[in-house]
C-alpha atoms as a PDB file:
ATOM      1  CA  MET A   1      19.641   5.339  25.252  1.00  0.00           C
ATOM      2  CA  ARG A   2      18.682   4.679  21.645  1.00  0.00           C
ATOM      3  CA  PHE A   3      16.126   2.043  20.713  1.00  0.00           C
ATOM      4  CA  SER A   4      16.438   0.413  17.334  1.00  0.00           C
ATOM      5  CA  LEU A   5      14.133  -2.235  15.953  1.00  0.00           C
ATOM      6  CA  THR A   6      15.436  -4.333  13.093  1.00  0.00           C
ATOM      7  CA  MET A   7      14.166  -7.537  11.581  1.00  0.00           C
ATOM      8  CA  ARG A   8      15.824 -10.149   9.413  1.00  0.00           C
ATOM      9  CA  ILE A   9      13.501 -11.386   6.692  1.00  0.00           C
ATOM     10  CA  HIS A  10      14.409 -13.359   3.596  1.00  0.00           C
ATOM     11  CA  ALA A  11      14.710 -11.255   0.443  1.00  0.00           C
ATOM     12  CA  ARG A  12      12.052 -13.273  -1.385  1.00  0.00           C
ATOM     13  CA  TYR A  13       9.413 -11.598   0.829  1.00  0.00           C
ATOM     14  CA  TYR A  14      10.494  -8.078  -0.159  1.00  0.00           C
ATOM     15  CA  ARG A  15       7.803  -7.521  -2.811  1.00  0.00           C
ATOM     16  CA  LEU A  16       5.102  -8.992  -0.585  1.00  0.00           C
ATOM     17  CA  ILE A  17       6.012  -6.755   2.366  1.00  0.00           C
ATOM     18  CA  PHE A  18       6.558  -3.653   0.238  1.00  0.00           C
ATOM     19  CA  THR A  19       3.259  -3.968  -1.622  1.00  0.00           C
ATOM     20  CA  GLY A  20       1.434  -4.810   1.602  1.00  0.00           C
ATOM     21  CA  LEU A  21       2.672  -1.686   3.370  1.00  0.00           C
ATOM     22  CA  MET A  22       2.084   0.449   0.297  1.00  0.00           C
ATOM     23  CA  ALA A  23      -1.462  -0.885  -0.112  1.00  0.00           C
ATOM     24  CA  LEU A  24      -2.150  -0.378   3.591  1.00  0.00           C
ATOM     25  CA  LEU A  25      -1.138   3.274   3.540  1.00  0.00           C
ATOM     26  CA  MET A  26      -2.649   4.140   0.165  1.00  0.00           C
ATOM     27  CA  SER A  27      -5.970   2.462   0.919  1.00  0.00           C
ATOM     28  CA  LEU A  28      -6.160   4.429   4.187  1.00  0.00           C
ATOM     29  CA  ILE A  29      -5.503   7.734   2.428  1.00  0.00           C
ATOM     30  CA  ILE A  30      -7.913   7.061  -0.436  1.00  0.00           C
ATOM     31  CA  SER A  31     -10.653   5.723   1.837  1.00  0.00           C
ATOM     32  CA  THR A  32     -10.371   8.751   4.112  1.00  0.00           C
ATOM     33  CA  VAL A  33     -10.485  11.273   1.283  1.00  0.00           C
ATOM     34  CA  LEU A  34     -13.355   9.590  -0.552  1.00  0.00           C
ATOM     35  CA  LEU A  35     -15.360   9.211   2.641  1.00  0.00           C
ATOM     36  CA  LEU A  36     -14.859  12.885   3.487  1.00  0.00           C
ATOM     37  CA  ILE A  37     -15.886  13.921  -0.030  1.00  0.00           C
ATOM     38  CA  LYS A  38     -18.900  11.618  -0.229  1.00  0.00           C
ATOM     39  CA  VAL A  39     -20.310  11.779   3.311  1.00  0.00           C
ATOM     40  CA  GLY A  40     -18.349  14.491   5.078  1.00  0.00           C
ATOM     41  CA  TRP A  41     -17.594  14.471   8.787  1.00  0.00           C
ATOM     42  CA  SER A  42     -20.122  12.573  10.880  1.00  0.00           C
ATOM     43  CA  ASP A  43     -20.458  10.996  14.309  1.00  0.00           C
ATOM     44  CA  HIS A  44     -19.776   7.577  12.774  1.00  0.00           C
ATOM     45  CA  PHE A  45     -16.823   8.687  10.653  1.00  0.00           C
ATOM     46  CA  PHE A  46     -14.175   6.401  12.172  1.00  0.00           C
ATOM     47  CA  ASN A  47     -16.479   3.382  12.136  1.00  0.00           C
ATOM     48  CA  ASP A  48     -17.291   4.042   8.465  1.00  0.00           C
ATOM     49  CA  LEU A  49     -13.602   4.592   7.758  1.00  0.00           C
ATOM     50  CA  LEU A  50     -12.556   1.271   9.287  1.00  0.00           C
ATOM     51  CA  ASN A  51     -15.235  -0.548   7.288  1.00  0.00           C
ATOM     52  CA  SER A  52     -14.298   1.082   3.985  1.00  0.00           C
ATOM     53  CA  TRP A  53     -10.560   0.818   4.681  1.00  0.00           C
ATOM     54  CA  SER A  54     -10.719  -2.922   5.344  1.00  0.00           C
ATOM     55  CA  LEU A  55     -12.559  -3.520   2.068  1.00  0.00           C
ATOM     56  CA  ALA A  56     -10.206  -1.210   0.169  1.00  0.00           C
ATOM     57  CA  PHE A  57      -7.143  -2.987   1.565  1.00  0.00           C
ATOM     58  CA  VAL A  58      -8.474  -6.413   0.567  1.00  0.00           C
ATOM     59  CA  VAL A  59      -8.741  -5.143  -3.013  1.00  0.00           C
ATOM     60  CA  ALA A  60      -5.595  -2.982  -3.015  1.00  0.00           C
ATOM     61  CA  TRP A  61      -3.036  -5.545  -1.840  1.00  0.00           C
ATOM     62  CA  PRO A  62      -3.476  -8.116  -4.615  1.00  0.00           C
ATOM     63  CA  CYS A  63      -3.710  -5.323  -7.184  1.00  0.00           C
ATOM     64  CA  ALA A  64      -0.503  -3.710  -5.905  1.00  0.00           C
ATOM     65  CA  TYR A  65       1.279  -7.069  -5.869  1.00  0.00           C
ATOM     66  CA  VAL A  66       0.330  -7.871  -9.464  1.00  0.00           C
ATOM     67  CA  CYS A  67       1.110  -4.344 -10.681  1.00  0.00           C
ATOM     68  CA  ALA A  68       4.504  -4.316  -8.950  1.00  0.00           C
ATOM     69  CA  TYR A  69       5.353  -7.670 -10.555  1.00  0.00           C
ATOM     70  CA  LEU A  70       4.294  -6.536 -14.026  1.00  0.00           C
ATOM     71  CA  ILE A  71       6.161  -3.246 -13.778  1.00  0.00           C
ATOM     72  CA  GLN A  72       9.371  -4.751 -12.373  1.00  0.00           C
ATOM     73  CA  VAL A  73       9.527  -7.760 -14.666  1.00  0.00           C
ATOM     74  CA  HIS A  74       8.032  -6.507 -17.913  1.00  0.00           C
ATOM     75  CA  LEU A  75       8.693  -2.767 -17.941  1.00  0.00           C
ATOM     76  CA  LEU A  76      11.758  -1.922 -15.865  1.00  0.00           C
ATOM     77  CA  THR A  77      13.805  -4.713 -17.450  1.00  0.00           C
ATOM     78  CA  ARG A  78      13.443  -2.941 -20.822  1.00  0.00           C
ATOM     79  CA  ILE A  79      14.896   0.333 -19.539  1.00  0.00           C
ATOM     80  CA  GLU A  80      18.628   0.896 -19.352  1.00  0.00           C
ATOM     81  CA  PHE A  81      19.445   2.878 -16.234  1.00  0.00           C
ATOM     82  CA  HIS A  82      22.814   4.604 -16.037  1.00  0.00           C
ATOM     83  CA  GLN A  83      24.710   6.903 -13.726  1.00  0.00           C
ATOM     84  CA  ASP A  84      26.503   9.907 -15.151  1.00  0.00           C
END
Protein backbone atom coordinates (compact mmCIF):
# COMPACT_ATOMS: atom_id res chain seq x y z
CA MET A 1 0.00 0.00 0.00
CA ARG A 2 1.41 3.37 -1.03
CA PHE A 3 0.52 6.55 0.83
CA SER A 4 0.59 9.78 -1.09
CA LEU A 5 -0.19 13.19 0.32
CA THR A 6 -1.07 15.91 -2.15
CA MET A 7 -2.61 19.32 -1.65
CA ARG A 8 -4.35 21.68 -4.02
CA ILE A 9 -3.35 25.28 -3.39
CA HIS A 10 -3.90 28.26 -5.65
CA ALA A 11 -0.84 29.25 -7.70
CA ARG A 12 -0.78 32.77 -6.26
CA TYR A 13 0.50 31.29 -2.97
CA TYR A 14 3.49 29.59 -4.63
CA ARG A 15 6.06 32.28 -3.77
CA LEU A 16 4.76 32.58 -0.21
CA ILE A 17 4.97 28.83 0.41
CA PHE A 18 8.30 28.41 -1.37
CA THR A 19 10.00 31.26 0.48
CA GLY A 20 8.47 30.13 3.77
CA LEU A 21 9.84 26.60 3.44
CA MET A 22 13.18 27.86 2.20
CA ALA A 23 13.47 30.33 5.08
CA LEU A 24 12.46 27.65 7.57
CA LEU A 25 15.15 25.23 6.45
CA MET A 26 17.90 27.79 5.91
CA SER A 27 17.30 29.52 9.24
CA LEU A 28 17.52 26.13 10.98
CA ILE A 29 20.82 25.29 9.28
CA ILE A 30 22.37 28.71 9.88
CA SER A 31 21.18 28.91 13.48
CA THR A 32 22.56 25.45 14.23
CA VAL A 33 25.95 26.13 12.69
CA LEU A 34 26.36 29.56 14.28
CA LEU A 35 25.30 28.27 17.68
CA LEU A 36 27.78 25.39 17.45
CA ILE A 37 30.57 27.77 16.42
CA LYS A 38 29.78 30.42 19.03
CA VAL A 39 28.80 28.33 22.07
CA GLY A 40 29.57 24.74 21.15
CA TRP A 41 27.63 21.77 22.44
CA SER A 42 25.98 22.33 25.81
CA ASP A 43 23.25 20.87 27.99
CA HIS A 44 20.89 23.62 26.83
CA PHE A 45 21.75 23.35 23.14
CA PHE A 46 18.28 22.47 21.83
CA ASN A 47 16.59 25.11 23.97
CA ASP A 48 19.06 27.73 22.70
CA LEU A 49 18.58 26.45 19.16
CA LEU A 50 14.80 26.78 19.29
CA ASN A 51 15.11 30.33 20.64
CA SER A 52 17.62 31.43 18.01
CA TRP A 53 15.82 29.57 15.21
CA SER A 54 12.48 31.25 15.94
CA LEU A 55 14.09 34.69 15.83
CA ALA A 56 16.05 33.83 12.68
CA PHE A 57 12.92 32.58 10.93
CA VAL A 58 10.99 35.76 11.76
CA VAL A 59 13.74 37.75 10.03
CA ALA A 60 14.46 35.27 7.22
CA TRP A 61 10.94 34.83 5.82
CA PRO A 62 10.22 38.46 4.91
CA CYS A 63 13.76 38.84 3.59
CA ALA A 64 13.42 35.72 1.42
CA TYR A 65 10.03 36.87 0.15
CA VAL A 66 11.31 40.30 -0.87
CA CYS A 67 14.50 38.89 -2.40
CA ALA A 68 12.59 36.26 -4.38
CA TYR A 69 10.26 38.96 -5.73
CA LEU A 70 13.12 41.26 -6.71
CA ILE A 71 15.08 38.48 -8.39
CA GLN A 72 12.12 37.02 -10.28
CA VAL A 73 10.61 40.30 -11.42
CA HIS A 74 13.62 42.55 -11.92
CA LEU A 75 16.49 40.21 -12.75
CA LEU A 76 15.21 37.00 -14.32
CA THR A 77 12.92 38.89 -16.71
CA ARG A 78 16.03 40.48 -18.28
CA ILE A 79 17.66 37.13 -19.06
CA GLU A 80 16.77 35.18 -22.17
CA PHE A 81 16.72 31.48 -21.36
CA HIS A 82 16.91 29.02 -24.23
CA GLN A 83 17.12 25.30 -24.79
CA ASP A 84 19.63 23.92 -27.25
